[in-house]
C-alpha cells in the first residue's frame, strides 16, 4: 500500500518527509550468525548475513511490512522509534524517513522516556494498528481516515502501556500490557491495574477480555501457524517464553513455560531479554532474547542465533517475496535473507 491515504489524518500531525536516496545496495554487515543445529540450514542460507539498512536511532521497535504489488521492491517497512514519539519508514530507494509523529503520546510536554508507539502491525486492508505507550491504548489508522482508539481500558481501568500485538485470522487483536512506557514504570502512581495482562479485543464487537495474568512482564506475542498456540515472551529476570493453548472461543488456558533461557549459575549473561518475535510458516520462532535474535524450532530446540551485539527488540518478515527478516536492534534497523515466510500477519 502506498502512504498517500494516510495523509488525510492531518489532525494527527502526520509528517511524511522524503529521505535522501540511498542509491546503494552495499549495506554494512553487523554481528554474526551462530549456527547450533543443522536444521537451521533449511531456514537460513549459509551465506546469509545481517545487513544494517538504517542507524542512528535511540531505540527501535515494532517493525511491520506493508506490501505494495506495484512497487518493484515489494513495499516498505514501518517501525517505531519510541523515545522520539515517531514511526519511521524505510524503502529500498529512499532509506529512512519520518512517517508519523506523534505516534504514541498526543499530550503536551514531557511524558516519559518511552512515550511513542511500540508494536505495530499492518493489515491486509492497509490499516496500521499501533500499541501506544503515552496514550495507553491500541489504535488503528485506516486508509483515508483519522486514527481511532480501539481500546484504552477495561471496565474503566486504563491499560499500563500496550507493548506488542498479534492479530488472529478472525480479526481479534491479542496484545500485552507491561508498564515500560509509564513515567515511573511499575511504580507509577497513575496505574489502574496492579498486574500486567495479556488481552484480547474482539473483532466482532470490540469487547476487551483479560486472558492471562500469568506473566510478570509480558512482552512479545505471536500465534503458531494453526493458531492453536499463543506464545508470549517475558522480559524480566526470568527469561522465558510461555505457550498457551487457545480454546475454541479464543480464550487461553493457564499456559506452560515453553522455553527458559535464563542465565544458569556460572554462565555469563548475554545482552538482551525476550522481547518481540515472529513465527514462520513452518512454526519456528524468531525471537529476540539474550544474545540477539534466537531461532527456535516448534519443539523448543535452539537452532541458532543472529548475534547482533546489541539489545535486540523485535523482527518482522517482509520484502518482495516475504522471506526477508527485518530486525530492530537498539540503534539499528537490519535485515537478513531467509528461506521462509512469516505465518499469517
C-alpha atoms as a PDB file:
ATOM      1  CA  UNK A   1       0.000   0.000   0.000  1.00  0.00           C
ATOM      2  CA  UNK A   2       1.244   3.493  -0.730  1.00  0.00           C
ATOM      3  CA  UNK A   3       1.273   6.057   2.113  1.00  0.00           C
ATOM      4  CA  UNK A   4      -0.905   8.663   0.384  1.00  0.00           C
ATOM      5  CA  UNK A   5      -4.219   7.584   2.039  1.00  0.00           C
ATOM      6  CA  UNK A   6      -2.773   8.288   5.463  1.00  0.00           C
ATOM      7  CA  UNK A   7      -2.314  11.979   4.650  1.00  0.00           C
ATOM      8  CA  UNK A   8      -5.987  12.535   5.446  1.00  0.00           C
ATOM      9  CA  UNK A   9      -5.083  12.228   9.123  1.00  0.00           C
ATOM     10  CA  UNK A  10      -3.690  15.768   9.261  1.00  0.00           C
ATOM     11  CA  UNK A  11      -5.132  16.338  12.728  1.00  0.00           C
ATOM     12  CA  UNK A  12      -2.710  13.709  13.985  1.00  0.00           C
ATOM     13  CA  UNK A  13       0.270  15.729  12.792  1.00  0.00           C
ATOM     14  CA  UNK A  14       1.268  13.103  10.281  1.00  0.00           C
ATOM     15  CA  UNK A  15       4.605  14.046   8.791  1.00  0.00           C
ATOM     16  CA  UNK A  16       5.867  12.431   5.599  1.00  0.00           C
ATOM     17  CA  UNK A  17       9.315  13.709   4.741  1.00  0.00           C
ATOM     18  CA  UNK A  18      11.451  12.491   1.912  1.00  0.00           C
ATOM     19  CA  UNK A  19      14.758  10.906   2.776  1.00  0.00           C
ATOM     20  CA  UNK A  20      17.879  11.235   0.709  1.00  0.00           C
ATOM     21  CA  UNK A  21      18.077   8.476  -1.855  1.00  0.00           C
ATOM     22  CA  UNK A  22      20.311   5.663  -0.667  1.00  0.00           C
ATOM     23  CA  UNK A  23      21.488   4.815  -4.172  1.00  0.00           C
ATOM     24  CA  UNK A  24      23.264   1.742  -2.854  1.00  0.00           C
ATOM     25  CA  UNK A  25      22.774  -1.914  -2.133  1.00  0.00           C
ATOM     26  CA  UNK A  26      26.107  -2.164  -0.349  1.00  0.00           C
ATOM     27  CA  UNK A  27      24.930  -2.276   3.234  1.00  0.00           C
ATOM     28  CA  UNK A  28      27.423  -2.949   6.060  1.00  0.00           C
ATOM     29  CA  UNK A  29      27.202  -6.246   7.918  1.00  0.00           C
ATOM     30  CA  UNK A  30      26.593  -6.464  11.662  1.00  0.00           C
ATOM     31  CA  UNK A  31      27.308  -9.270  14.100  1.00  0.00           C
ATOM     32  CA  UNK A  32      27.401 -12.949  13.248  1.00  0.00           C
ATOM     33  CA  UNK A  33      25.136 -15.893  12.502  1.00  0.00           C
ATOM     34  CA  UNK A  34      25.710 -18.577  15.143  1.00  0.00           C
ATOM     35  CA  UNK A  35      24.527 -21.970  13.866  1.00  0.00           C
ATOM     36  CA  UNK A  36      23.771 -24.575  16.528  1.00  0.00           C
ATOM     37  CA  UNK A  37      21.678 -27.167  14.678  1.00  0.00           C
ATOM     38  CA  UNK A  38      21.846 -28.403  11.049  1.00  0.00           C
ATOM     39  CA  UNK A  39      18.103 -27.758  10.695  1.00  0.00           C
ATOM     40  CA  UNK A  40      18.914 -24.047  10.541  1.00  0.00           C
ATOM     41  CA  UNK A  41      20.253 -24.557   7.006  1.00  0.00           C
ATOM     42  CA  UNK A  42      16.656 -25.231   5.910  1.00  0.00           C
ATOM     43  CA  UNK A  43      15.636 -21.788   7.160  1.00  0.00           C
ATOM     44  CA  UNK A  44      18.672 -19.593   6.559  1.00  0.00           C
ATOM     45  CA  UNK A  45      21.068 -19.614   3.579  1.00  0.00           C
ATOM     46  CA  UNK A  46      24.653 -20.439   4.529  1.00  0.00           C
ATOM     47  CA  UNK A  47      25.834 -17.133   3.049  1.00  0.00           C
ATOM     48  CA  UNK A  48      23.173 -15.090   4.875  1.00  0.00           C
ATOM     49  CA  UNK A  49      24.450 -12.033   6.733  1.00  0.00           C
ATOM     50  CA  UNK A  50      22.889  -9.385   8.954  1.00  0.00           C
ATOM     51  CA  UNK A  51      22.844  -6.109   6.987  1.00  0.00           C
ATOM     52  CA  UNK A  52      22.400  -2.653   8.521  1.00  0.00           C
ATOM     53  CA  UNK A  53      19.879  -0.679   6.432  1.00  0.00           C
ATOM     54  CA  UNK A  54      19.422   2.205   8.876  1.00  0.00           C
ATOM     55  CA  UNK A  55      21.141   3.508  12.009  1.00  0.00           C
ATOM     56  CA  UNK A  56      21.492   6.424  14.407  1.00  0.00           C
ATOM     57  CA  UNK A  57      18.233   5.869  16.293  1.00  0.00           C
ATOM     58  CA  UNK A  58      17.730   5.823  20.051  1.00  0.00           C
ATOM     59  CA  UNK A  59      15.606   2.679  20.437  1.00  0.00           C
ATOM     60  CA  UNK A  60      13.764   0.942  17.609  1.00  0.00           C
ATOM     61  CA  UNK A  61      10.812  -1.413  17.886  1.00  0.00           C
ATOM     62  CA  UNK A  62       7.713  -2.834  16.241  1.00  0.00           C
ATOM     63  CA  UNK A  63       8.721  -3.400  12.591  1.00  0.00           C
ATOM     64  CA  UNK A  64       5.938  -4.255  10.155  1.00  0.00           C
ATOM     65  CA  UNK A  65       5.976  -4.656   6.380  1.00  0.00           C
ATOM     66  CA  UNK A  66       3.427  -3.050   4.042  1.00  0.00           C
ATOM     67  CA  UNK A  67       3.105  -4.864   0.725  1.00  0.00           C
ATOM     68  CA  UNK A  68       2.726  -2.866  -2.469  1.00  0.00           C
ATOM     69  CA  UNK A  69       2.372  -5.039  -5.565  1.00  0.00           C
ATOM     70  CA  UNK A  70       3.011  -2.062  -7.865  1.00  0.00           C
ATOM     71  CA  UNK A  71       6.402  -1.413  -6.288  1.00  0.00           C
ATOM     72  CA  UNK A  72       9.312  -3.435  -7.735  1.00  0.00           C
ATOM     73  CA  UNK A  73      10.785  -3.538  -4.222  1.00  0.00           C
ATOM     74  CA  UNK A  74       7.565  -5.030  -2.899  1.00  0.00           C
ATOM     75  CA  UNK A  75       6.573  -2.283  -0.467  1.00  0.00           C
ATOM     76  CA  UNK A  76       8.023  -0.586   2.577  1.00  0.00           C
ATOM     77  CA  UNK A  77       8.877  -1.113   6.239  1.00  0.00           C
ATOM     78  CA  UNK A  78       7.439   0.857   9.152  1.00  0.00           C
ATOM     79  CA  UNK A  79       8.977   0.787  12.638  1.00  0.00           C
ATOM     80  CA  UNK A  80       8.657   2.653  15.923  1.00  0.00           C
ATOM     81  CA  UNK A  81      11.370   4.938  17.273  1.00  0.00           C
ATOM     82  CA  UNK A  82       9.887   5.039  20.757  1.00  0.00           C
ATOM     83  CA  UNK A  83      11.839   7.832  22.508  1.00  0.00           C
ATOM     84  CA  UNK A  84      11.198  10.313  19.670  1.00  0.00           C
ATOM     85  CA  UNK A  85       7.461   9.512  19.635  1.00  0.00           C
ATOM     86  CA  UNK A  86       7.550   8.681  15.937  1.00  0.00           C
ATOM     87  CA  UNK A  87       7.021   5.973  13.349  1.00  0.00           C
ATOM     88  CA  UNK A  88       9.731   5.753  10.696  1.00  0.00           C
ATOM     89  CA  UNK A  89       9.508   4.433   7.149  1.00  0.00           C
ATOM     90  CA  UNK A  90      12.199   2.595   5.199  1.00  0.00           C
ATOM     91  CA  UNK A  91      12.227   1.978   1.471  1.00  0.00           C
ATOM     92  CA  UNK A  92      14.999   0.412  -0.569  1.00  0.00           C
ATOM     93  CA  UNK A  93      15.212   3.526  -2.758  1.00  0.00           C
ATOM     94  CA  UNK A  94      14.922   6.318  -0.194  1.00  0.00           C
ATOM     95  CA  UNK A  95      16.175   4.875   3.068  1.00  0.00           C
ATOM     96  CA  UNK A  96      14.572   6.098   6.306  1.00  0.00           C
ATOM     97  CA  UNK A  97      12.145   8.999   6.690  1.00  0.00           C
ATOM     98  CA  UNK A  98       9.619  10.209   9.263  1.00  0.00           C
ATOM     99  CA  UNK A  99       6.227   8.623   8.616  1.00  0.00           C
ATOM    100  CA  UNK A 100       4.104   9.595  11.619  1.00  0.00           C
ATOM    101  CA  UNK A 101       4.558  11.871  14.618  1.00  0.00           C
ATOM    102  CA  UNK A 102       3.336  11.875  17.323  1.00  0.00           C
ATOM    103  CA  UNK A 103       2.956   8.121  17.312  1.00  0.00           C
ATOM    104  CA  UNK A 104       2.081   7.210  20.896  1.00  0.00           C
ATOM    105  CA  UNK A 105       1.667  10.341  23.040  1.00  0.00           C
ATOM    106  CA  UNK A 106      -0.517  13.220  21.920  1.00  0.00           C
ATOM    107  CA  UNK A 107      -0.375  15.243  25.130  1.00  0.00           C
ATOM    108  CA  UNK A 108       1.748  18.291  25.844  1.00  0.00           C
ATOM    109  CA  UNK A 109       5.205  18.434  27.339  1.00  0.00           C
ATOM    110  CA  UNK A 110       7.345  15.584  28.575  1.00  0.00           C
ATOM    111  CA  UNK A 111       5.670  12.267  29.382  1.00  0.00           C
ATOM    112  CA  UNK A 112       8.266   9.516  29.831  1.00  0.00           C
ATOM    113  CA  UNK A 113      11.468   8.087  28.389  1.00  0.00           C
ATOM    114  CA  UNK A 114       9.409   5.923  26.030  1.00  0.00           C
ATOM    115  CA  UNK A 115       6.290   7.889  25.006  1.00  0.00           C
ATOM    116  CA  UNK A 116       5.828   6.664  21.445  1.00  0.00           C
ATOM    117  CA  UNK A 117       4.264   3.684  19.762  1.00  0.00           C
ATOM    118  CA  UNK A 118       5.800   0.259  20.292  1.00  0.00           C
ATOM    119  CA  UNK A 119       4.380  -2.767  18.471  1.00  0.00           C
ATOM    120  CA  UNK A 120       2.942  -2.060  15.019  1.00  0.00           C
ATOM    121  CA  UNK A 121       1.005  -4.250  12.644  1.00  0.00           C
ATOM    122  CA  UNK A 122      -0.036  -3.536   9.081  1.00  0.00           C
ATOM    123  CA  UNK A 123      -3.243  -5.240   7.984  1.00  0.00           C
ATOM    124  CA  UNK A 124      -4.074  -6.654   4.560  1.00  0.00           C
ATOM    125  CA  UNK A 125      -6.607  -3.826   4.198  1.00  0.00           C
ATOM    126  CA  UNK A 126      -3.808  -1.271   4.527  1.00  0.00           C
ATOM    127  CA  UNK A 127      -4.534  -0.125   8.088  1.00  0.00           C
ATOM    128  CA  UNK A 128      -1.878   0.421  10.752  1.00  0.00           C
ATOM    129  CA  UNK A 129      -2.619  -0.934  14.241  1.00  0.00           C
ATOM    130  CA  UNK A 130      -0.412   0.512  17.000  1.00  0.00           C
ATOM    131  CA  UNK A 131       0.411  -0.158  20.632  1.00  0.00           C
ATOM    132  CA  UNK A 132       0.716   3.342  22.100  1.00  0.00           C
ATOM    133  CA  UNK A 133       2.705   3.913  25.282  1.00  0.00           C
ATOM    134  CA  UNK A 134       1.846   7.520  26.141  1.00  0.00           C
ATOM    135  CA  UNK A 135      -1.850   7.406  25.260  1.00  0.00           C
ATOM    136  CA  UNK A 136      -2.067   3.911  26.780  1.00  0.00           C
ATOM    137  CA  UNK A 137      -4.175   2.467  24.012  1.00  0.00           C
ATOM    138  CA  UNK A 138      -4.482   0.259  20.954  1.00  0.00           C
ATOM    139  CA  UNK A 139      -5.263   2.420  17.935  1.00  0.00           C
ATOM    140  CA  UNK A 140      -5.934   1.946  14.241  1.00  0.00           C
ATOM    141  CA  UNK A 141      -5.163   4.273  11.359  1.00  0.00           C
ATOM    142  CA  UNK A 142      -7.226   3.331   8.317  1.00  0.00           C
ATOM    143  CA  UNK A 143      -6.539   4.480   4.750  1.00  0.00           C
ATOM    144  CA  UNK A 144      -8.242   7.804   4.103  1.00  0.00           C
ATOM    145  CA  UNK A 145      -9.327   8.205   7.719  1.00  0.00           C
ATOM    146  CA  UNK A 146      -8.030   9.536  11.037  1.00  0.00           C
ATOM    147  CA  UNK A 147      -6.700   7.497  13.917  1.00  0.00           C
ATOM    148  CA  UNK A 148      -9.246   5.697  16.101  1.00  0.00           C
ATOM    149  CA  UNK A 149      -8.939   4.197  19.574  1.00  0.00           C
ATOM    150  CA  UNK A 150      -9.797   0.516  19.583  1.00  0.00           C
ATOM    151  CA  UNK A 151      -9.314   0.101  23.342  1.00  0.00           C
ATOM    152  CA  UNK A 152      -7.677   2.016  26.173  1.00  0.00           C
ATOM    153  CA  UNK A 153      -9.289   0.433  29.235  1.00  0.00           C
ATOM    154  CA  UNK A 154     -11.243  -2.466  30.619  1.00  0.00           C
ATOM    155  CA  UNK A 155     -14.210  -1.689  32.839  1.00  0.00           C
ATOM    156  CA  UNK A 156     -12.915   1.842  33.365  1.00  0.00           C
ATOM    157  CA  UNK A 157      -9.392   0.828  34.367  1.00  0.00           C
ATOM    158  CA  UNK A 158      -6.762   2.144  31.959  1.00  0.00           C
ATOM    159  CA  UNK A 159      -4.104  -0.103  30.490  1.00  0.00           C
ATOM    160  CA  UNK A 160      -0.484   0.319  31.599  1.00  0.00           C
ATOM    161  CA  UNK A 161       1.296   0.821  28.261  1.00  0.00           C
ATOM    162  CA  UNK A 162       0.349  -1.609  25.490  1.00  0.00           C
ATOM    163  CA  UNK A 163       3.545  -3.156  24.149  1.00  0.00           C
ATOM    164  CA  UNK A 164       3.117  -5.710  21.378  1.00  0.00           C
ATOM    165  CA  UNK A 165       0.305  -7.330  19.443  1.00  0.00           C
ATOM    166  CA  UNK A 166      -0.737 -10.013  17.010  1.00  0.00           C
ATOM    167  CA  UNK A 167      -3.955 -10.483  15.063  1.00  0.00           C
ATOM    168  CA  UNK A 168      -5.820 -13.774  14.747  1.00  0.00           C
ATOM    169  CA  UNK A 169      -7.224 -14.748  11.348  1.00  0.00           C
ATOM    170  CA  UNK A 170     -10.731 -13.785  12.516  1.00  0.00           C
ATOM    171  CA  UNK A 171      -9.542 -10.230  13.234  1.00  0.00           C
ATOM    172  CA  UNK A 172      -9.281 -10.481  17.026  1.00  0.00           C
ATOM    173  CA  UNK A 173      -6.338  -8.477  18.397  1.00  0.00           C
ATOM    174  CA  UNK A 174      -4.215 -10.042  21.147  1.00  0.00           C
ATOM    175  CA  UNK A 175      -1.799  -7.746  22.980  1.00  0.00           C
ATOM    176  CA  UNK A 176       0.458  -7.440  26.021  1.00  0.00           C
ATOM    177  CA  UNK A 177       0.431  -4.647  28.580  1.00  0.00           C
ATOM    178  CA  UNK A 178       3.592  -4.228  30.712  1.00  0.00           C
ATOM    179  CA  UNK A 179       4.403  -0.874  32.380  1.00  0.00           C
ATOM    180  CA  UNK A 180       7.523   0.101  30.409  1.00  0.00           C
ATOM    181  CA  UNK A 181       6.026   3.221  28.829  1.00  0.00           C
ATOM    182  CA  UNK A 182       4.768   4.776  32.073  1.00  0.00           C
ATOM    183  CA  UNK A 183       6.755   7.682  33.566  1.00  0.00           C
ATOM    184  CA  UNK A 184       7.749   5.628  36.633  1.00  0.00           C
ATOM    185  CA  UNK A 185       7.098   2.245  35.027  1.00  0.00           C
ATOM    186  CA  UNK A 186       5.914  -0.339  37.602  1.00  0.00           C
ATOM    187  CA  UNK A 187       5.922   2.265  40.400  1.00  0.00           C
ATOM    188  CA  UNK A 188       3.867   4.821  38.507  1.00  0.00           C
ATOM    189  CA  UNK A 189       1.043   6.253  40.613  1.00  0.00           C
ATOM    190  CA  UNK A 190      -1.267   6.538  37.614  1.00  0.00           C
ATOM    191  CA  UNK A 191      -1.534   2.758  37.254  1.00  0.00           C
ATOM    192  CA  UNK A 192      -5.093   1.483  37.484  1.00  0.00           C
ATOM    193  CA  UNK A 193      -4.050  -2.175  37.392  1.00  0.00           C
ATOM    194  CA  UNK A 194      -1.610  -3.883  39.740  1.00  0.00           C
ATOM    195  CA  UNK A 195      -0.820  -6.586  37.172  1.00  0.00           C
ATOM    196  CA  UNK A 196       0.376  -6.851  33.579  1.00  0.00           C
ATOM    197  CA  UNK A 197      -2.079  -8.687  31.383  1.00  0.00           C
ATOM    198  CA  UNK A 198      -2.477 -10.422  28.081  1.00  0.00           C
ATOM    199  CA  UNK A 199      -5.619  -9.059  26.457  1.00  0.00           C
ATOM    200  CA  UNK A 200      -7.952  -9.583  23.507  1.00  0.00           C
ATOM    201  CA  UNK A 201     -10.043  -7.099  21.547  1.00  0.00           C
ATOM    202  CA  UNK A 202     -12.920  -8.857  19.775  1.00  0.00           C
ATOM    203  CA  UNK A 203     -13.251  -8.058  16.087  1.00  0.00           C
ATOM    204  CA  UNK A 204     -16.972  -8.802  16.304  1.00  0.00           C
ATOM    205  CA  UNK A 205     -17.994  -6.199  18.871  1.00  0.00           C
ATOM    206  CA  UNK A 206     -14.858  -4.578  20.314  1.00  0.00           C
ATOM    207  CA  UNK A 207     -15.212  -6.326  23.674  1.00  0.00           C
ATOM    208  CA  UNK A 208     -11.988  -6.308  25.724  1.00  0.00           C
ATOM    209  CA  UNK A 209     -11.170  -9.514  27.597  1.00  0.00           C
ATOM    210  CA  UNK A 210      -8.382 -10.243  30.068  1.00  0.00           C
ATOM    211  CA  UNK A 211      -6.869 -13.575  29.006  1.00  0.00           C
ATOM    212  CA  UNK A 212      -3.973 -14.046  31.432  1.00  0.00           C
ATOM    213  CA  UNK A 213      -2.112 -12.503  34.345  1.00  0.00           C
ATOM    214  CA  UNK A 214       0.444 -15.330  34.424  1.00  0.00           C
ATOM    215  CA  UNK A 215       3.457 -13.249  33.365  1.00  0.00           C
ATOM    216  CA  UNK A 216       5.069 -10.525  35.427  1.00  0.00           C
ATOM    217  CA  UNK A 217       6.252  -8.637  32.339  1.00  0.00           C
ATOM    218  CA  UNK A 218       4.521  -9.963  29.188  1.00  0.00           C
ATOM    219  CA  UNK A 219       6.051  -8.597  26.010  1.00  0.00           C
ATOM    220  CA  UNK A 220       6.313 -10.197  22.555  1.00  0.00           C
ATOM    221  CA  UNK A 221       3.337 -12.199  21.337  1.00  0.00           C
ATOM    222  CA  UNK A 222       2.669 -14.465  18.338  1.00  0.00           C
ATOM    223  CA  UNK A 223       0.448 -17.329  17.179  1.00  0.00           C
ATOM    224  CA  UNK A 224       1.549 -20.702  15.859  1.00  0.00           C
ATOM    225  CA  UNK A 225       0.592 -21.218  12.185  1.00  0.00           C
ATOM    226  CA  UNK A 226      -2.539 -23.196  13.130  1.00  0.00           C
ATOM    227  CA  UNK A 227      -3.453 -20.599  15.810  1.00  0.00           C
ATOM    228  CA  UNK A 228      -3.855 -23.336  18.404  1.00  0.00           C
ATOM    229  CA  UNK A 229      -0.926 -21.983  20.452  1.00  0.00           C
ATOM    230  CA  UNK A 230      -0.190 -18.425  21.563  1.00  0.00           C
ATOM    231  CA  UNK A 231       3.409 -17.667  22.521  1.00  0.00           C
ATOM    232  CA  UNK A 232       4.149 -14.816  24.938  1.00  0.00           C
ATOM    233  CA  UNK A 233       7.623 -13.615  25.913  1.00  0.00           C
ATOM    234  CA  UNK A 234       8.557 -12.387  29.356  1.00  0.00           C
ATOM    235  CA  UNK A 235      11.060  -9.529  29.617  1.00  0.00           C
ATOM    236  CA  UNK A 236      12.189  -9.947  33.187  1.00  0.00           C
ATOM    237  CA  UNK A 237      14.923 -11.558  35.287  1.00  0.00           C
ATOM    238  CA  UNK A 238      13.294 -14.882  34.467  1.00  0.00           C
ATOM    239  CA  UNK A 239      13.829 -15.031  30.697  1.00  0.00           C
ATOM    240  CA  UNK A 240      11.070 -17.302  29.414  1.00  0.00           C
ATOM    241  CA  UNK A 241       8.509 -17.827  26.707  1.00  0.00           C
ATOM    242  CA  UNK A 242       5.101 -19.112  27.705  1.00  0.00           C
ATOM    243  CA  UNK A 243       2.869 -21.205  25.444  1.00  0.00           C
ATOM    244  CA  UNK A 244      -0.886 -21.021  25.890  1.00  0.00           C
ATOM    245  CA  UNK A 245      -3.395 -23.394  24.340  1.00  0.00           C
ATOM    246  CA  UNK A 246      -6.041 -21.375  22.525  1.00  0.00           C
ATOM    247  CA  UNK A 247      -9.557 -22.582  23.251  1.00  0.00           C
ATOM    248  CA  UNK A 248     -12.257 -22.662  20.538  1.00  0.00           C
ATOM    249  CA  UNK A 249     -13.739 -19.429  21.924  1.00  0.00           C
ATOM    250  CA  UNK A 250     -10.361 -17.666  21.650  1.00  0.00           C
ATOM    251  CA  UNK A 251      -9.567 -17.627  25.371  1.00  0.00           C
ATOM    252  CA  UNK A 252      -6.411 -19.203  26.800  1.00  0.00           C
ATOM    253  CA  UNK A 253      -5.623 -21.991  29.213  1.00  0.00           C
ATOM    254  CA  UNK A 254      -3.278 -21.432  32.174  1.00  0.00           C
ATOM    255  CA  UNK A 255      -0.218 -21.823  29.944  1.00  0.00           C
ATOM    256  CA  UNK A 256       3.134 -23.506  30.398  1.00  0.00           C
ATOM    257  CA  UNK A 257       6.775 -22.480  30.271  1.00  0.00           C
ATOM    258  CA  UNK A 258       7.770 -23.327  26.706  1.00  0.00           C
ATOM    259  CA  UNK A 259      11.412 -22.184  26.826  1.00  0.00           C
ATOM    260  CA  UNK A 260      13.636 -20.839  29.608  1.00  0.00           C
ATOM    261  CA  UNK A 261      16.872 -19.097  28.589  1.00  0.00           C
ATOM    262  CA  UNK A 262      17.676 -17.519  31.952  1.00  0.00           C
ATOM    263  CA  UNK A 263      21.390 -17.496  32.715  1.00  0.00           C
ATOM    264  CA  UNK A 264      22.428 -20.543  34.701  1.00  0.00           C
ATOM    265  CA  UNK A 265      24.842 -20.364  37.665  1.00  0.00           C
ATOM    266  CA  UNK A 266      28.346 -19.739  36.343  1.00  0.00           C
ATOM    267  CA  UNK A 267      27.150 -18.606  32.913  1.00  0.00           C
ATOM    268  CA  UNK A 268      27.969 -15.125  31.684  1.00  0.00           C
ATOM    269  CA  UNK A 269      24.701 -13.294  30.935  1.00  0.00           C
ATOM    270  CA  UNK A 270      24.265 -12.199  27.325  1.00  0.00           C
ATOM    271  CA  UNK A 271      22.907  -8.805  26.325  1.00  0.00           C
ATOM    272  CA  UNK A 272      19.167  -8.655  25.762  1.00  0.00           C
ATOM    273  CA  UNK A 273      15.967 -10.264  27.024  1.00  0.00           C
ATOM    274  CA  UNK A 274      12.918 -11.959  25.481  1.00  0.00           C
ATOM    275  CA  UNK A 275      11.033  -9.254  23.611  1.00  0.00           C
ATOM    276  CA  UNK A 276       9.331  -9.181  20.224  1.00  0.00           C
ATOM    277  CA  UNK A 277       9.059 -12.222  17.978  1.00  0.00           C
ATOM    278  CA  UNK A 278       7.523 -13.715  14.854  1.00  0.00           C
ATOM    279  CA  UNK A 279       6.620 -17.279  13.886  1.00  0.00           C
ATOM    280  CA  UNK A 280       7.420 -18.550  10.409  1.00  0.00           C
ATOM    281  CA  UNK A 281       5.215 -20.686   8.167  1.00  0.00           C
ATOM    282  CA  UNK A 282       6.879 -23.866   9.496  1.00  0.00           C
ATOM    283  CA  UNK A 283       6.194 -22.973  13.130  1.00  0.00           C
ATOM    284  CA  UNK A 284       9.696 -21.842  14.123  1.00  0.00           C
ATOM    285  CA  UNK A 285      10.054 -18.882  16.480  1.00  0.00           C
ATOM    286  CA  UNK A 286      12.328 -15.976  15.557  1.00  0.00           C
ATOM    287  CA  UNK A 287      12.505 -14.272  18.913  1.00  0.00           C
ATOM    288  CA  UNK A 288      14.629 -11.518  20.385  1.00  0.00           C
ATOM    289  CA  UNK A 289      16.382 -12.597  23.554  1.00  0.00           C
ATOM    290  CA  UNK A 290      19.768 -12.937  25.251  1.00  0.00           C
ATOM    291  CA  UNK A 291      22.479 -12.720  22.587  1.00  0.00           C
ATOM    292  CA  UNK A 292      20.357 -11.278  19.783  1.00  0.00           C
ATOM    293  CA  UNK A 293      17.604 -12.984  17.793  1.00  0.00           C
ATOM    294  CA  UNK A 294      17.043 -16.641  18.729  1.00  0.00           C
ATOM    295  CA  UNK A 295      15.726 -19.118  16.171  1.00  0.00           C
ATOM    296  CA  UNK A 296      13.850 -21.972  17.851  1.00  0.00           C
ATOM    297  CA  UNK A 297      12.050 -24.978  16.391  1.00  0.00           C
ATOM    298  CA  UNK A 298       8.433 -25.795  17.379  1.00  0.00           C
ATOM    299  CA  UNK A 299       9.796 -28.337  19.889  1.00  0.00           C
ATOM    300  CA  UNK A 300      11.856 -25.615  21.602  1.00  0.00           C
ATOM    301  CA  UNK A 301      15.280 -26.564  20.217  1.00  0.00           C
ATOM    302  CA  UNK A 302      17.582 -23.577  19.811  1.00  0.00           C
ATOM    303  CA  UNK A 303      18.692 -23.830  16.172  1.00  0.00           C
ATOM    304  CA  UNK A 304      20.856 -20.728  16.160  1.00  0.00           C
ATOM    305  CA  UNK A 305      21.235 -17.062  16.999  1.00  0.00           C
ATOM    306  CA  UNK A 306      21.542 -13.932  14.942  1.00  0.00           C
ATOM    307  CA  UNK A 307      24.062 -12.246  17.210  1.00  0.00           C
ATOM    308  CA  UNK A 308      23.763  -8.520  16.574  1.00  0.00           C
ATOM    309  CA  UNK A 309      25.939  -7.484  19.519  1.00  0.00           C
ATOM    310  CA  UNK A 310      23.111  -5.185  20.597  1.00  0.00           C
ATOM    311  CA  UNK A 311      19.961  -5.475  22.678  1.00  0.00           C
ATOM    312  CA  UNK A 312      17.592  -6.769  20.004  1.00  0.00           C
ATOM    313  CA  UNK A 313      13.953  -5.802  20.321  1.00  0.00           C
ATOM    314  CA  UNK A 314      11.838  -7.244  17.517  1.00  0.00           C
ATOM    315  CA  UNK A 315      11.555  -8.559  13.968  1.00  0.00           C
ATOM    316  CA  UNK A 316       9.161  -8.906  11.028  1.00  0.00           C
ATOM    317  CA  UNK A 317       9.031 -10.854   7.783  1.00  0.00           C
ATOM    318  CA  UNK A 318       8.588  -8.899   4.565  1.00  0.00           C
ATOM    319  CA  UNK A 319      10.374  -7.845   1.414  1.00  0.00           C
ATOM    320  CA  UNK A 320       9.438  -8.540  -2.226  1.00  0.00           C
ATOM    321  CA  UNK A 321       8.657 -12.230  -1.655  1.00  0.00           C
ATOM    322  CA  UNK A 322       8.102 -12.213   2.110  1.00  0.00           C
ATOM    323  CA  UNK A 323      11.319 -14.029   3.005  1.00  0.00           C
ATOM    324  CA  UNK A 324      13.355 -11.055   4.229  1.00  0.00           C
ATOM    325  CA  UNK A 325      13.536 -10.780   8.015  1.00  0.00           C
ATOM    326  CA  UNK A 326      13.785  -7.206   9.292  1.00  0.00           C
ATOM    327  CA  UNK A 327      15.286  -6.754  12.760  1.00  0.00           C
ATOM    328  CA  UNK A 328      15.259  -3.836  15.196  1.00  0.00           C
ATOM    329  CA  UNK A 329      18.381  -3.856  17.379  1.00  0.00           C
ATOM    330  CA  UNK A 330      18.868  -0.803  19.581  1.00  0.00           C
ATOM    331  CA  UNK A 331      20.026   1.984  17.225  1.00  0.00           C
ATOM    332  CA  UNK A 332      19.953  -0.213  14.104  1.00  0.00           C
ATOM    333  CA  UNK A 333      17.462  -1.425  11.520  1.00  0.00           C
ATOM    334  CA  UNK A 334      18.754  -4.641   9.972  1.00  0.00           C
ATOM    335  CA  UNK A 335      17.699  -7.330   7.543  1.00  0.00           C
ATOM    336  CA  UNK A 336      18.710 -10.866   6.683  1.00  0.00           C
ATOM    337  CA  UNK A 337      17.590 -13.135   3.860  1.00  0.00           C
ATOM    338  CA  UNK A 338      15.806 -16.337   4.914  1.00  0.00           C
ATOM    339  CA  UNK A 339      14.216 -19.309   3.148  1.00  0.00           C
ATOM    340  CA  UNK A 340      10.808 -18.985   4.838  1.00  0.00           C
ATOM    341  CA  UNK A 341       7.890 -16.597   5.146  1.00  0.00           C
ATOM    342  CA  UNK A 342       6.060 -15.456   8.233  1.00  0.00           C
ATOM    343  CA  UNK A 343       2.921 -17.200   9.461  1.00  0.00           C
ATOM    344  CA  UNK A 344      -0.181 -15.079   8.960  1.00  0.00           C
ATOM    345  CA  UNK A 345       0.331 -11.421   9.891  1.00  0.00           C
END
